[in-house]
Amino acid sequence: MKPIHFLFAAALVAAALPGAASAQRGPDSLGADWRARQDQARGGVQSGQLVPLGRVIEQIGRRTPGRVLDAGLEGPNYRVRWATADGRRIDFIVDARTGQILSAN
């Protein structure tokens, strides 16, 4: 089967089974309203009211070697879920206006 035909067939199967795609991904760890919060964060950064999330992630990486699992705006703060180089998980709460790390649990 040609690749294009395979992709088309896969799209048809996914459309025919509405719950199939979401069942494979599982629940979104950032919550159902993550897109609205993402738009809010983008607007805040563009207006100069919020620190860019990329800068916050770089700051955390310098402090704690590892990688970001997920991140997003929660109220006035960013929550950054982080996997350390030694396998621990840390949730950083960072003030979105100043970039100051408020807690790391």
PDB file of N, CA and C in Angstrom:
ATOM      1  N   MET A   1       0.849  -1.179   0.000  1.00  0.00           N
ATOM      2  CA  MET A   1       0.000   0.000   0.000  1.00  0.00           C
ATOM      3  C   MET A   1       0.887   1.233   0.000  1.00  0.00           C
ATOM      4  N   LYS A   2       0.577   2.219  -0.834  1.00  0.00           N
ATOM      5  CA  LYS A   2       1.367   3.442  -0.898  1.00  0.00           C
ATOM      6  C   LYS A   2       1.179   4.233   0.398  1.00  0.00           C
ATOM      7  N   PRO A   3       2.234   4.975   0.805  1.00  0.00           N
ATOM      8  CA  PRO A   3       2.140   5.718   2.066  1.00  0.00           C
ATOM      9  C   PRO A   3       0.941   6.652   2.137  1.00  0.00           C
ATOM     10  N   ILE A   4       0.605   7.337   1.061  1.00  0.00           N
ATOM     11  CA  ILE A   4      -0.528   8.270   1.060  1.00  0.00           C
ATOM     12  C   ILE A   4      -1.818   7.510   1.327  1.00  0.00           C
ATOM     13  N   HIS A   5      -1.976   6.364   0.685  1.00  0.00           N
ATOM     14  CA  HIS A   5      -3.182   5.565   0.886  1.00  0.00           C
ATOM     15  C   HIS A   5      -3.270   5.075   2.325  1.00  0.00           C
ATOM     16  N   PHE A   6      -2.136   4.688   2.885  1.00  0.00           N
ATOM     17  CA  PHE A   6      -2.120   4.224   4.272  1.00  0.00           C
ATOM     18  C   PHE A   6      -2.565   5.339   5.218  1.00  0.00           C
ATOM     19  N   LEU A   7      -2.032   6.549   5.021  1.00  0.00           N
ATOM     20  CA  LEU A   7      -2.410   7.676   5.879  1.00  0.00           C
ATOM     21  C   LEU A   7      -3.889   7.995   5.741  1.00  0.00           C
ATOM     22  N   PHE A   8      -4.399   7.960   4.506  1.00  0.00           N
ATOM     23  CA  PHE A   8      -5.821   8.222   4.280  1.00  0.00           C
ATOM     24  C   PHE A   8      -6.670   7.168   4.984  1.00  0.00           C
ATOM     25  N   ALA A   9      -6.258   5.896   4.884  1.00  0.00           N
ATOM     26  CA  ALA A   9      -7.001   4.818   5.536  1.00  0.00           C
ATOM     27  C   ALA A   9      -6.958   4.982   7.056  1.00  0.00           C
ATOM     28  N   ALA A  10      -5.819   5.366   7.577  1.00  0.00           N
ATOM     29  CA  ALA A  10      -5.697   5.568   9.024  1.00  0.00           C
ATOM     30  C   ALA A  10      -6.597   6.716   9.486  1.00  0.00           C
ATOM     31  N   ALA A  11      -6.677   7.774   8.689  1.00  0.00           N
ATOM     32  CA  ALA A  11      -7.544   8.902   9.035  1.00  0.00           C
ATOM     33  C   ALA A  11      -9.011   8.480   9.031  1.00  0.00           C
ATOM     34  N   LEU A  12      -9.392   7.648   8.074  1.00  0.00           N
ATOM     35  CA  LEU A  12     -10.774   7.167   8.033  1.00  0.00           C
ATOM     36  C   LEU A  12     -11.110   6.319   9.251  1.00  0.00           C
ATOM     37  N   VAL A  13     -10.185   5.458   9.637  1.00  0.00           N
ATOM     38  CA  VAL A  13     -10.419   4.617  10.812  1.00  0.00           C
ATOM     39  C   VAL A  13     -10.536   5.488  12.063  1.00  0.00           C
ATOM     40  N   ALA A  14      -9.665   6.475  12.193  1.00  0.00           N
ATOM     41  CA  ALA A  14      -9.714   7.356  13.365  1.00  0.00           C
ATOM     42  C   ALA A  14     -11.023   8.136  13.413  1.00  0.00           C
ATOM     43  N   ALA A  15     -11.514   8.566  12.250  1.00  0.00           N
ATOM     44  CA  ALA A  15     -12.777   9.310  12.203  1.00  0.00           C
ATOM     45  C   ALA A  15     -13.959   8.412  12.542  1.00  0.00           C
ATOM     46  N   ALA A  16     -13.866   7.159  12.160  1.00  0.00           N
ATOM     47  CA  ALA A  16     -14.964   6.222  12.410  1.00  0.00           C
ATOM     48  C   ALA A  16     -15.028   5.808  13.871  1.00  0.00           C
ATOM     49  N   LEU A  17     -13.913   5.884  14.575  1.00  0.00           N
ATOM     50  CA  LEU A  17     -13.854   5.489  15.979  1.00  0.00           C
ATOM     51  C   LEU A  17     -13.506   6.707  16.814  1.00  0.00           C
ATOM     52  N   PRO A  18     -14.480   7.528  17.186  1.00  0.00           N
ATOM     53  CA  PRO A  18     -14.185   8.800  17.846  1.00  0.00           C
ATOM     54  C   PRO A  18     -13.377   8.694  19.124  1.00  0.00           C
ATOM     55  N   GLY A  19     -13.544   7.647  19.897  1.00  0.00           N
ATOM     56  CA  GLY A  19     -12.801   7.536  21.141  1.00  0.00           C
ATOM     57  C   GLY A  19     -11.430   6.920  20.985  1.00  0.00           C
ATOM     58  N   ALA A  20     -11.112   6.387  19.820  1.00  0.00           N
ATOM     59  CA  ALA A  20      -9.870   5.648  19.635  1.00  0.00           C
ATOM     60  C   ALA A  20      -8.644   6.525  19.810  1.00  0.00           C
ATOM     61  N   ALA A  21      -8.613   7.696  19.194  1.00  0.00           N
ATOM     62  CA  ALA A  21      -7.436   8.549  19.274  1.00  0.00           C
ATOM     63  C   ALA A  21      -7.202   9.038  20.693  1.00  0.00           C
ATOM     64  N   SER A  22      -8.262   9.469  21.379  1.00  0.00           N
ATOM     65  CA  SER A  22      -8.072   9.983  22.733  1.00  0.00           C
ATOM     66  C   SER A  22      -7.728   8.870  23.710  1.00  0.00           C
ATOM     67  N   ALA A  23      -8.194   7.663  23.461  1.00  0.00           N
ATOM     68  CA  ALA A  23      -7.877   6.556  24.354  1.00  0.00           C
ATOM     69  C   ALA A  23      -6.405   6.207  24.290  1.00  0.00           C
ATOM     70  N   GLN A  24      -5.774   6.396  23.138  1.00  0.00           N
ATOM     71  CA  GLN A  24      -4.362   6.082  23.014  1.00  0.00           C
ATOM     72  C   GLN A  24      -3.493   7.116  23.712  1.00  0.00           C
ATOM     73  N   ARG A  25      -3.894   8.379  23.698  1.00  0.00           N
ATOM     74  CA  ARG A  25      -3.090   9.442  24.291  1.00  0.00           C
ATOM     75  C   ARG A  25      -3.252   9.533  25.787  1.00  0.00           C
ATOM     76  N   GLY A  26      -4.413   9.251  26.296  1.00  0.00           N
ATOM     77  CA  GLY A  26      -4.667   9.404  27.717  1.00  0.00           C
ATOM     78  C   GLY A  26      -5.012  10.841  28.044  1.00  0.00           C
ATOM     79  N   PRO A  27      -5.318  11.148  29.295  1.00  0.00           N
ATOM     80  CA  PRO A  27      -5.721  12.497  29.684  1.00  0.00           C
ATOM     81  C   PRO A  27      -4.555  13.478  29.571  1.00  0.00           C
ATOM     82  N   ASP A  28      -4.874  14.714  29.289  1.00  0.00           N
ATOM     83  CA  ASP A  28      -3.870  15.763  29.174  1.00  0.00           C
ATOM     84  C   ASP A  28      -3.436  16.179  30.570  1.00  0.00           C
ATOM     85  N   SER A  29      -2.155  16.102  30.849  1.00  0.00           N
ATOM     86  CA  SER A  29      -1.668  16.411  32.190  1.00  0.00           C
ATOM     87  C   SER A  29      -1.801  17.882  32.544  1.00  0.00           C
ATOM     88  N   LEU A  30      -1.988  18.736  31.540  1.00  0.00           N
ATOM     89  CA  LEU A  30      -2.134  20.165  31.824  1.00  0.00           C
ATOM     90  C   LEU A  30      -3.583  20.589  31.979  1.00  0.00           C
ATOM     91  N   GLY A  31      -4.536  19.696  31.779  1.00  0.00           N
ATOM     92  CA  GLY A  31      -5.948  20.014  31.957  1.00  0.00           C
ATOM     93  C   GLY A  31      -6.645  20.348  30.656  1.00  0.00           C
ATOM     94  N   ALA A  32      -7.952  20.348  30.724  1.00  0.00           N
ATOM     95  CA  ALA A  32      -8.777  20.537  29.533  1.00  0.00           C
ATOM     96  C   ALA A  32      -8.679  21.958  28.976  1.00  0.00           C
ATOM     97  N   ASP A  33      -8.387  22.949  29.806  1.00  0.00           N
ATOM     98  CA  ASP A  33      -8.353  24.338  29.335  1.00  0.00           C
ATOM     99  C   ASP A  33      -6.942  24.826  29.021  1.00  0.00           C
ATOM    100  N   TRP A  34      -6.037  23.895  28.703  1.00  0.00           N
ATOM    101  CA  TRP A  34      -4.641  24.268  28.477  1.00  0.00           C
ATOM    102  C   TRP A  34      -4.480  25.230  27.314  1.00  0.00           C
ATOM    103  N   ARG A  35      -5.304  25.105  26.269  1.00  0.00           N
ATOM    104  CA  ARG A  35      -5.158  25.977  25.098  1.00  0.00           C
ATOM    105  C   ARG A  35      -5.474  27.429  25.456  1.00  0.00           C
ATOM    106  N   ALA A  36      -6.507  27.658  26.249  1.00  0.00           N
ATOM    107  CA  ALA A  36      -6.855  29.025  26.665  1.00  0.00           C
ATOM    108  C   ALA A  36      -5.742  29.611  27.537  1.00  0.00           C
ATOM    109  N   ARG A  37      -5.172  28.794  28.411  1.00  0.00           N
ATOM    110  CA  ARG A  37      -4.070  29.276  29.253  1.00  0.00           C
ATOM    111  C   ARG A  37      -2.831  29.568  28.414  1.00  0.00           C
ATOM    112  N   GLN A  38      -2.607  28.756  27.369  1.00  0.00           N
ATOM    113  CA  GLN A  38      -1.469  28.989  26.482  1.00  0.00           C
ATOM    114  C   GLN A  38      -1.631  30.334  25.771  1.00  0.00           C
ATOM    115  N   ASP A  39      -2.840  30.615  25.304  1.00  0.00           N
ATOM    116  CA  ASP A  39      -3.113  31.906  24.657  1.00  0.00           C
ATOM    117  C   ASP A  39      -2.923  33.061  25.635  1.00  0.00           C
ATOM    118  N   GLN A  40      -3.360  32.861  26.873  1.00  0.00           N
ATOM    119  CA  GLN A  40      -3.189  33.889  27.908  1.00  0.00           C
ATOM    120  C   GLN A  40      -1.706  34.149  28.167  1.00  0.00           C
ATOM    121  N   ALA A  41      -0.922  33.078  28.259  1.00  0.00           N
ATOM    122  CA  ALA A  41       0.512  33.224  28.498  1.00  0.00           C
ATOM    123  C   ALA A  41       1.184  33.929  27.324  1.00  0.00           C
ATOM    124  N   ARG A  42       0.836  33.544  26.112  1.00  0.00           N
ATOM    125  CA  ARG A  42       1.419  34.172  24.924  1.00  0.00           C
ATOM    126  C   ARG A  42       1.118  35.674  24.912  1.00  0.00           C
ATOM    127  N   GLY A  43      -0.123  36.036  25.212  1.00  0.00           N
ATOM    128  CA  GLY A  43      -0.498  37.449  25.257  1.00  0.00           C
ATOM    129  C   GLY A  43       0.258  38.202  26.335  1.00  0.00           C
ATOM    130  N   GLY A  44       0.438  37.565  27.495  1.00  0.00           N
ATOM    131  CA  GLY A  44       1.179  38.195  28.589  1.00  0.00           C
ATOM    132  C   GLY A  44       2.634  38.424  28.244  1.00  0.00           C
ATOM    133  N   VAL A  45       3.251  37.483  27.547  1.00  0.00           N
ATOM    134  CA  VAL A  45       4.650  37.633  27.136  1.00  0.00           C
ATOM    135  C   VAL A  45       4.755  38.735  26.090  1.00  0.00           C
ATOM    136  N   GLN A  46       3.844  38.741  25.109  1.00  0.00           N
ATOM    137  CA  GLN A  46       3.881  39.753  24.049  1.00  0.00           C
ATOM    138  C   GLN A  46       3.674  41.157  24.601  1.00  0.00           C
ATOM    139  N   SER A  47       2.880  41.297  25.653  1.00  0.00           N
ATOM    140  CA  SER A  47       2.641  42.614  26.245  1.00  0.00           C
ATOM    141  C   SER A  47       3.720  43.009  27.246  1.00  0.00           C
ATOM    142  N   GLY A  48       4.649  42.087  27.533  1.00  0.00           N
ATOM    143  CA  GLY A  48       5.724  42.376  28.475  1.00  0.00           C
ATOM    144  C   GLY A  48       5.354  42.160  29.930  1.00  0.00           C
ATOM    145  N   GLN A  49       4.166  41.613  30.200  1.00  0.00           N
ATOM    146  CA  GLN A  49       3.732  41.385  31.578  1.00  0.00           C
ATOM    147  C   GLN A  49       4.270  40.075  32.153  1.00  0.00           C
ATOM    148  N   LEU A  50       4.559  39.091  31.298  1.00  0.00           N
ATOM    149  CA  LEU A  50       5.030  37.785  31.765  1.00  0.00           C
ATOM    150  C   LEU A  50       6.394  37.465  31.177  1.00  0.00           C
ATOM    151  N   VAL A  51       7.185  36.740  31.952  1.00  0.00           N
ATOM    152  CA  VAL A  51       8.483  36.243  31.512  1.00  0.00           C
ATOM    153  C   VAL A  51       8.225  35.090  30.531  1.00  0.00           C
ATOM    154  N   PRO A  52       8.967  35.003  29.439  1.00  0.00           N
ATOM    155  CA  PRO A  52       8.781  33.870  28.528  1.00  0.00           C
ATOM    156  C   PRO A  52       9.068  32.534  29.229  1.00  0.00           C
ATOM    157  N   LEU A  53       8.227  31.560  28.967  1.00  0.00           N
ATOM    158  CA  LEU A  53       8.378  30.241  29.584  1.00  0.00           C
ATOM    159  C   LEU A  53       9.724  29.618  29.216  1.00  0.00           C
ATOM    160  N   GLY A  54      10.203  29.847  28.012  1.00  0.00           N
ATOM    161  CA  GLY A  54      11.507  29.315  27.604  1.00  0.00           C
ATOM    162  C   GLY A  54      12.629  29.792  28.504  1.00  0.00           C
ATOM    163  N   ARG A  55      12.575  31.051  28.923  1.00  0.00           N
ATOM    164  CA  ARG A  55      13.582  31.597  29.830  1.00  0.00           C
ATOM    165  C   ARG A  55      13.497  30.918  31.199  1.00  0.00           C
ATOM    166  N   VAL A  56      12.272  30.655  31.657  1.00  0.00           N
ATOM    167  CA  VAL A  56      12.072  29.971  32.938  1.00  0.00           C
ATOM    168  C   VAL A  56      12.661  28.560  32.869  1.00  0.00           C
ATOM    169  N   ILE A  57      12.400  27.859  31.774  1.00  0.00           N
ATOM    170  CA  ILE A  57      12.910  26.490  31.615  1.00  0.00           C
ATOM    171  C   ILE A  57      14.432  26.483  31.571  1.00  0.00           C
ATOM    172  N   GLU A  58      15.039  27.453  30.888  1.00  0.00           N
ATOM    173  CA  GLU A  58      16.505  27.562  30.873  1.00  0.00           C
ATOM    174  C   GLU A  58      17.047  27.782  32.279  1.00  0.00           C
ATOM    175  N   GLN A  59      16.386  28.631  33.054  1.00  0.00           N
ATOM    176  CA  GLN A  59      16.806  28.921  34.430  1.00  0.00           C
ATOM    177  C   GLN A  59      16.762  27.646  35.272  1.00  0.00           C
ATOM    178  N   ILE A  60      15.687  26.894  35.153  1.00  0.00           N
ATOM    179  CA  ILE A  60      15.563  25.648  35.908  1.00  0.00           C
ATOM    180  C   ILE A  60      16.646  24.665  35.480  1.00  0.00           C
ATOM    181  N   GLY A  61      16.913  24.578  34.180  1.00  0.00           N
ATOM    182  CA  GLY A  61      17.946  23.675  33.678  1.00  0.00           C
ATOM    183  C   GLY A  61      19.334  23.999  34.206  1.00  0.00           C
ATOM    184  N   ARG A  62      19.627  25.293  34.382  1.00  0.00           N
ATOM    185  CA  ARG A  62      20.927  25.677  34.958  1.00  0.00           C
ATOM    186  C   ARG A  62      20.999  25.290  36.430  1.00  0.00           C
ATOM    187  N   ARG A  63      19.884  25.360  37.111  1.00  0.00           N
ATOM    188  CA  ARG A  63      19.825  25.063  38.546  1.00  0.00           C
ATOM    189  C   ARG A  63      19.791  23.566  38.812  1.00  0.00           C
ATOM    190  N   THR A  64      19.019  22.838  37.985  1.00  0.00           N
ATOM    191  CA  THR A  64      18.792  21.406  38.208  1.00  0.00           C
ATOM    192  C   THR A  64      18.910  20.677  36.876  1.00  0.00           C
ATOM    193  N   PRO A  65      20.015  19.984  36.636  1.00  0.00           N
ATOM    194  CA  PRO A  65      20.163  19.261  35.370  1.00  0.00           C
ATOM    195  C   PRO A  65      19.023  18.259  35.161  1.00  0.00           C
ATOM    196  N   GLY A  66      18.513  18.216  33.938  1.00  0.00           N
ATOM    197  CA  GLY A  66      17.419  17.310  33.612  1.00  0.00           C
ATOM    198  C   GLY A  66      16.686  17.805  32.391  1.00  0.00           C
ATOM    199  N   ARG A  67      15.381  17.520  32.343  1.00  0.00           N
ATOM    200  CA  ARG A  67      14.584  17.928  31.186  1.00  0.00           C
ATOM    201  C   ARG A  67      13.155  18.224  31.618  1.00  0.00           C
ATOM    202  N   VAL A  68      12.498  19.065  30.832  1.00  0.00           N
ATOM    203  CA  VAL A  68      11.113  19.437  31.110  1.00  0.00           C
ATOM    204  C   VAL A  68      10.190  18.291  30.674  1.00  0.00           C
ATOM    205  N   LEU A  69       9.218  17.965  31.519  1.00  0.00           N
ATOM    206  CA  LEU A  69       8.184  16.985  31.174  1.00  0.00           C
ATOM    207  C   LEU A  69       6.984  17.698  30.572  1.00  0.00           C
ATOM    208  N   ASP A  70       6.525  18.742  31.226  1.00  0.00           N
ATOM    209  CA  ASP A  70       5.506  19.622  30.674  1.00  0.00           C
ATOM    210  C   ASP A  70       5.516  20.916  31.479  1.00  0.00           C
ATOM    211  N   ALA A  71       4.888  21.925  30.917  1.00  0.00           N
ATOM    212  CA  ALA A  71       4.900  23.231  31.566  1.00  0.00           C
ATOM    213  C   ALA A  71       3.700  24.027  31.082  1.00  0.00           C
ATOM    214  N   GLY A  72       3.228  24.910  31.933  1.00  0.00           N
ATOM    215  CA  GLY A  72       2.109  25.752  31.542  1.00  0.00           C
ATOM    216  C   GLY A  72       1.781  26.774  32.605  1.00  0.00           C
ATOM    217  N   LEU A  73       0.905  27.679  32.227  1.00  0.00           N
ATOM    218  CA  LEU A  73       0.459  28.736  33.118  1.00  0.00           C
ATOM    219  C   LEU A  73      -0.676  28.221  33.989  1.00  0.00           C
ATOM    220  N   GLU A  74      -0.550  28.428  35.290  1.00  0.00           N
ATOM    221  CA  GLU A  74      -1.600  28.090  36.250  1.00  0.00           C
ATOM    222  C   GLU A  74      -1.816  29.312  37.124  1.00  0.00           C
ATOM    223  N   GLY A  75      -2.879  30.043  36.842  1.00  0.00           N
ATOM    224  CA  GLY A  75      -3.124  31.283  37.573  1.00  0.00           C
ATOM    225  C   GLY A  75      -2.012  32.269  37.279  1.00  0.00           C
ATOM    226  N   PRO A  76      -1.424  32.887  38.312  1.00  0.00           N
ATOM    227  CA  PRO A  76      -0.355  33.861  38.084  1.00  0.00           C
ATOM    228  C   PRO A  76       1.035  33.219  37.967  1.00  0.00           C
ATOM    229  N   ASN A  77       1.093  31.900  38.004  1.00  0.00           N
ATOM    230  CA  ASN A  77       2.376  31.198  38.026  1.00  0.00           C
ATOM    231  C   ASN A  77       2.508  30.205  36.880  1.00  0.00           C
ATOM    232  N   TYR A  78       3.767  29.880  36.581  1.00  0.00           N
ATOM    233  CA  TYR A  78       4.048  28.759  35.701  1.00  0.00           C
ATOM    234  C   TYR A  78       4.263  27.531  36.570  1.00  0.00           C
ATOM    235  N   ARG A  79       3.767  26.386  36.120  1.00  0.00           N
ATOM    236  CA  ARG A  79       4.114  25.110  36.738  1.00  0.00           C
ATOM    237  C   ARG A  79       4.973  24.378  35.717  1.00  0.00           C
ATOM    238  N   VAL A  80       6.172  23.955  36.141  1.00  0.00           N
ATOM    239  CA  VAL A  80       7.081  23.226  35.263  1.00  0.00           C
ATOM    240  C   VAL A  80       7.358  21.874  35.909  1.00  0.00           C
ATOM    241  N   ARG A  81       6.931  20.823  35.252  1.00  0.00           N
ATOM    242  CA  ARG A  81       7.218  19.460  35.725  1.00  0.00           C
ATOM    243  C   ARG A  81       8.538  19.039  35.106  1.00  0.00           C
ATOM    244  N   TRP A  82       9.465  18.634  35.951  1.00  0.00           N
ATOM    245  CA  TRP A  82      10.853  18.441  35.550  1.00  0.00           C
ATOM    246  C   TRP A  82      11.329  17.051  35.937  1.00  0.00           C
ATOM    247  N   ALA A  83      12.043  16.395  35.038  1.00  0.00           N
ATOM    248  CA  ALA A  83      12.690  15.116  35.340  1.00  0.00           C
ATOM    249  C   ALA A  83      14.174  15.396  35.530  1.00  0.00           C
ATOM    250  N   THR A  84      14.685  15.086  36.703  1.00  0.00           N
ATOM    251  CA  THR A  84      16.095  15.343  36.980  1.00  0.00           C
ATOM    252  C   THR A  84      16.963  14.293  36.299  1.00  0.00           C
ATOM    253  N   ALA A  85      18.248  14.585  36.204  1.00  0.00           N
ATOM    254  CA  ALA A  85      19.189  13.660  35.572  1.00  0.00           C
ATOM    255  C   ALA A  85      19.260  12.331  36.324  1.00  0.00           C
ATOM    256  N   ASP A  86      18.957  12.349  37.628  1.00  0.00           N
ATOM    257  CA  ASP A  86      19.002  11.104  38.401  1.00  0.00           C
ATOM    258  C   ASP A  86      17.635  10.427  38.527  1.00  0.00           C
ATOM    259  N   GLY A  87      16.645  10.901  37.745  1.00  0.00           N
ATOM    260  CA  GLY A  87      15.363  10.213  37.669  1.00  0.00           C
ATOM    261  C   GLY A  87      14.258  10.712  38.579  1.00  0.00           C
ATOM    262  N   ARG A  88      14.508  11.727  39.380  1.00  0.00           N
ATOM    263  CA  ARG A  88      13.450  12.274  40.239  1.00  0.00           C
ATOM    264  C   ARG A  88      12.546  13.196  39.428  1.00  0.00           C
ATOM    265  N   ARG A  89      11.325  13.420  39.916  1.00  0.00           N
ATOM    266  CA  ARG A  89      10.414  14.392  39.307  1.00  0.00           C
ATOM    267  C   ARG A  89      10.213  15.538  40.289  1.00  0.00           C
ATOM    268  N   ILE A  90      10.352  16.758  39.775  1.00  0.00           N
ATOM    269  CA  ILE A  90      10.171  17.947  40.599  1.00  0.00           C
ATOM    270  C   ILE A  90       9.157  18.846  39.900  1.00  0.00           C
ATOM    271  N   ASP A  91       8.195  19.360  40.669  1.00  0.00           N
ATOM    272  CA  ASP A  91       7.258  20.361  40.166  1.00  0.00           C
ATOM    273  C   ASP A  91       7.732  21.728  40.650  1.00  0.00           C
ATOM    274  N   PHE A  92       8.152  22.564  39.709  1.00  0.00           N
ATOM    275  CA  PHE A  92       8.569  23.919  40.024  1.00  0.00           C
ATOM    276  C   PHE A  92       7.377  24.852  39.844  1.00  0.00           C
ATOM    277  N   ILE A  93       7.159  25.720  40.816  1.00  0.00           N
ATOM    278  CA  ILE A  93       6.172  26.785  40.713  1.00  0.00           C
ATOM    279  C   ILE A  93       6.981  28.075  40.589  1.00  0.00           C
ATOM    280  N   VAL A  94       6.736  28.811  39.501  1.00  0.00           N
ATOM    281  CA  VAL A  94       7.535  29.994  39.183  1.00  0.00           C
ATOM    282  C   VAL A  94       6.595  31.175  38.955  1.00  0.00           C
ATOM    283  N   ASP A  95       6.896  32.303  39.586  1.00  0.00           N
ATOM    284  CA  ASP A  95       6.113  33.517  39.376  1.00  0.00           C
ATOM    285  C   ASP A  95       6.249  33.918  37.906  1.00  0.00           C
ATOM    286  N   ALA A  96       5.147  33.955  37.177  1.00  0.00           N
ATOM    287  CA  ALA A  96       5.175  34.220  35.736  1.00  0.00           C
ATOM    288  C   ALA A  96       5.548  35.665  35.418  1.00  0.00           C
ATOM    289  N   ARG A  97       5.362  36.573  36.367  1.00  0.00           N
ATOM    290  CA  ARG A  97       5.698  37.979  36.116  1.00  0.00           C
ATOM    291  C   ARG A  97       7.177  38.273  36.338  1.00  0.00           C
ATOM    292  N   THR A  98       7.782  37.601  37.328  1.00  0.00           N
ATOM    293  CA  THR A  98       9.165  37.906  37.684  1.00  0.00           C
ATOM    294  C   THR A  98      10.154  36.808  37.280  1.00  0.00           C
ATOM    295  N   GLY A  99       9.673  35.588  37.124  1.00  0.00           N
ATOM    296  CA  GLY A  99      10.564  34.466  36.841  1.00  0.00           C
ATOM    297  C   GLY A  99      11.175  33.857  38.084  1.00  0.00           C
ATOM    298  N   GLN A 100      10.788  34.333  39.254  1.00  0.00           N
ATOM    299  CA  GLN A 100      11.329  33.821  40.520  1.00  0.00           C
ATOM    300  C   GLN A 100      10.732  32.456  40.829  1.00  0.00           C
ATOM    301  N   ILE A 101      11.582  31.490  41.172  1.00  0.00           N
ATOM    302  CA  ILE A 101      11.117  30.164  41.581  1.00  0.00           C
ATOM    303  C   ILE A 101      10.531  30.284  42.978  1.00  0.00           C
ATOM    304  N   LEU A 102       9.259  29.939  43.106  1.00  0.00           N
ATOM    305  CA  LEU A 102       8.572  30.045  44.389  1.00  0.00           C
ATOM    306  C   LEU A 102       8.661  28.760  45.194  1.00  0.00           C
ATOM    307  N   SER A 103       8.618  27.617  44.500  1.00  0.00           N
ATOM    308  CA  SER A 103       8.751  26.336  45.210  1.00  0.00           C
ATOM    309  C   SER A 103       9.221  25.276  44.231  1.00  0.00           C
ATOM    310  N   ALA A 104       9.790  24.222  44.819  1.00  0.00           N
ATOM    311  CA  ALA A 104      10.269  23.083  44.043  1.00  0.00           C
ATOM    312  C   ALA A 104      10.005  21.840  44.877  1.00  0.00           C
ATOM    313  N   ASN A 105       8.983  21.081  44.487  1.00  0.00           N
ATOM    314  CA  ASN A 105       8.592  19.888  45.253  1.00  0.00           C
ATOM    315  C   ASN A 105       8.633  18.671  44.364  1.00  0.00           C
TER     316      ASN A 105
END
